[in-house]
Amino acid sequence: MKIYVLVVHEDDFDYDEIDDAVVLAENKEEAIKIAQEQRNVRWVVEKVFDTDKTTLISKYIHHG
């Protein structure tokens, strides 16, 4: 299993809609299918992480 970080294709981007997804899946095609169940647009794989080692998956900066 791998962790896939996906983003909506730039031509399908729309504010106030889901624009990224993090999916645990066997392969790229399965990850995209799962993301499309949430929002039926074109998805692009941004990063892939193996689950057999520890690593930083994501970080956020809160502006305020």
C-alpha atoms as a PDB file:
ATOM      1  CA  MET A   1       0.000   0.000   0.000  1.00  0.00           C
ATOM      2  CA  LYS A   2       1.078   3.543  -0.677  1.00  0.00           C
ATOM      3  CA  ILE A   3      -0.141   6.967   0.350  1.00  0.00           C
ATOM      4  CA  TYR A   4      -1.031   9.149  -2.627  1.00  0.00           C
ATOM      5  CA  VAL A   5      -1.360  12.921  -2.421  1.00  0.00           C
ATOM      6  CA  LEU A   6      -3.565  14.075  -5.288  1.00  0.00           C
ATOM      7  CA  VAL A   7      -4.605  17.522  -6.491  1.00  0.00           C
ATOM      8  CA  VAL A   8      -7.345  18.578  -8.874  1.00  0.00           C
ATOM      9  CA  HIS A   9      -6.088  19.289 -12.391  1.00  0.00           C
ATOM     10  CA  GLU A  10      -5.611  23.062 -12.813  1.00  0.00           C
ATOM     11  CA  ASP A  11      -8.264  23.226 -15.566  1.00  0.00           C
ATOM     12  CA  ASP A  12     -10.863  21.725 -13.183  1.00  0.00           C
ATOM     13  CA  PHE A  13      -9.959  23.790 -10.113  1.00  0.00           C
ATOM     14  CA  ASP A  14     -12.846  25.649  -8.505  1.00  0.00           C
ATOM     15  CA  TYR A  15     -12.777  27.674  -5.295  1.00  0.00           C
ATOM     16  CA  ASP A  16     -14.964  26.355  -2.463  1.00  0.00           C
ATOM     17  CA  GLU A  17     -14.670  22.796  -3.766  1.00  0.00           C
ATOM     18  CA  ILE A  18     -12.455  19.865  -2.778  1.00  0.00           C
ATOM     19  CA  ASP A  19      -9.069  20.542  -4.364  1.00  0.00           C
ATOM     20  CA  ASP A  20      -6.812  17.874  -2.876  1.00  0.00           C
ATOM     21  CA  ALA A  21      -7.017  14.394  -1.419  1.00  0.00           C
ATOM     22  CA  VAL A  22      -4.772  11.996   0.491  1.00  0.00           C
ATOM     23  CA  VAL A  23      -5.537   8.361  -0.307  1.00  0.00           C
ATOM     24  CA  LEU A  24      -4.193   5.015   0.916  1.00  0.00           C
ATOM     25  CA  ALA A  25      -4.278   2.668  -2.079  1.00  0.00           C
ATOM     26  CA  GLU A  26      -2.548  -0.199  -3.861  1.00  0.00           C
ATOM     27  CA  ASN A  27      -1.789   1.814  -7.025  1.00  0.00           C
ATOM     28  CA  LYS A  28      -2.217   5.155  -8.793  1.00  0.00           C
ATOM     29  CA  GLU A  29      -5.364   4.131 -10.662  1.00  0.00           C
ATOM     30  CA  GLU A  30      -7.108   3.017  -7.464  1.00  0.00           C
ATOM     31  CA  ALA A  31      -6.113   6.259  -5.701  1.00  0.00           C
ATOM     32  CA  ILE A  32      -7.555   8.369  -8.518  1.00  0.00           C
ATOM     33  CA  LYS A  33     -10.768   6.314  -8.544  1.00  0.00           C
ATOM     34  CA  ILE A  34     -11.218   6.860  -4.796  1.00  0.00           C
ATOM     35  CA  ALA A  35     -10.599  10.612  -5.164  1.00  0.00           C
ATOM     36  CA  GLN A  36     -13.093  10.779  -8.047  1.00  0.00           C
ATOM     37  CA  GLU A  37     -15.757   9.309  -5.760  1.00  0.00           C
ATOM     38  CA  GLN A  38     -15.466  12.517  -3.724  1.00  0.00           C
ATOM     39  CA  ARG A  39     -15.318  14.867  -6.704  1.00  0.00           C
ATOM     40  CA  ASN A  40     -15.601  13.728 -10.308  1.00  0.00           C
ATOM     41  CA  VAL A  41     -12.820  15.758 -11.931  1.00  0.00           C
ATOM     42  CA  ARG A  42      -9.351  15.051 -13.297  1.00  0.00           C
ATOM     43  CA  TRP A  43      -6.865  14.299 -10.517  1.00  0.00           C
ATOM     44  CA  VAL A  44      -3.071  14.569 -10.672  1.00  0.00           C
ATOM     45  CA  VAL A  45      -0.732  12.631  -8.382  1.00  0.00           C
ATOM     46  CA  GLU A  46       1.488  15.141  -6.608  1.00  0.00           C
ATOM     47  CA  LYS A  47       3.405  12.830  -4.238  1.00  0.00           C
ATOM     48  CA  VAL A  48       3.607   9.136  -3.377  1.00  0.00           C
ATOM     49  CA  PHE A  49       4.765   7.746  -0.043  1.00  0.00           C
ATOM     50  CA  ASP A  50       5.620   4.128   0.804  1.00  0.00           C
ATOM     51  CA  THR A  51       4.006   2.966   4.022  1.00  0.00           C
ATOM     52  CA  ASP A  52       6.896   0.768   5.151  1.00  0.00           C
ATOM     53  CA  LYS A  53       8.901   3.669   6.592  1.00  0.00           C
ATOM     54  CA  THR A  54       8.144   6.741   8.657  1.00  0.00           C
ATOM     55  CA  THR A  55       8.081  10.099   6.897  1.00  0.00           C
ATOM     56  CA  LEU A  56       6.445  13.515   7.082  1.00  0.00           C
ATOM     57  CA  ILE A  57       3.338  13.421   4.914  1.00  0.00           C
ATOM     58  CA  SER A  58       2.050  16.958   5.225  1.00  0.00           C
ATOM     59  CA  LYS A  59       2.501  20.245   7.030  1.00  0.00           C
ATOM     60  CA  TYR A  60       0.254  23.279   7.273  1.00  0.00           C
ATOM     61  CA  ILE A  61       0.840  26.961   7.870  1.00  0.00           C
ATOM     62  CA  HIS A  62      -2.088  28.765   9.468  1.00  0.00           C
ATOM     63  CA  HIS A  63      -2.173  32.453   8.644  1.00  0.00           C
ATOM     64  CA  GLY A  64      -4.015  34.694  11.010  1.00  0.00           C
END
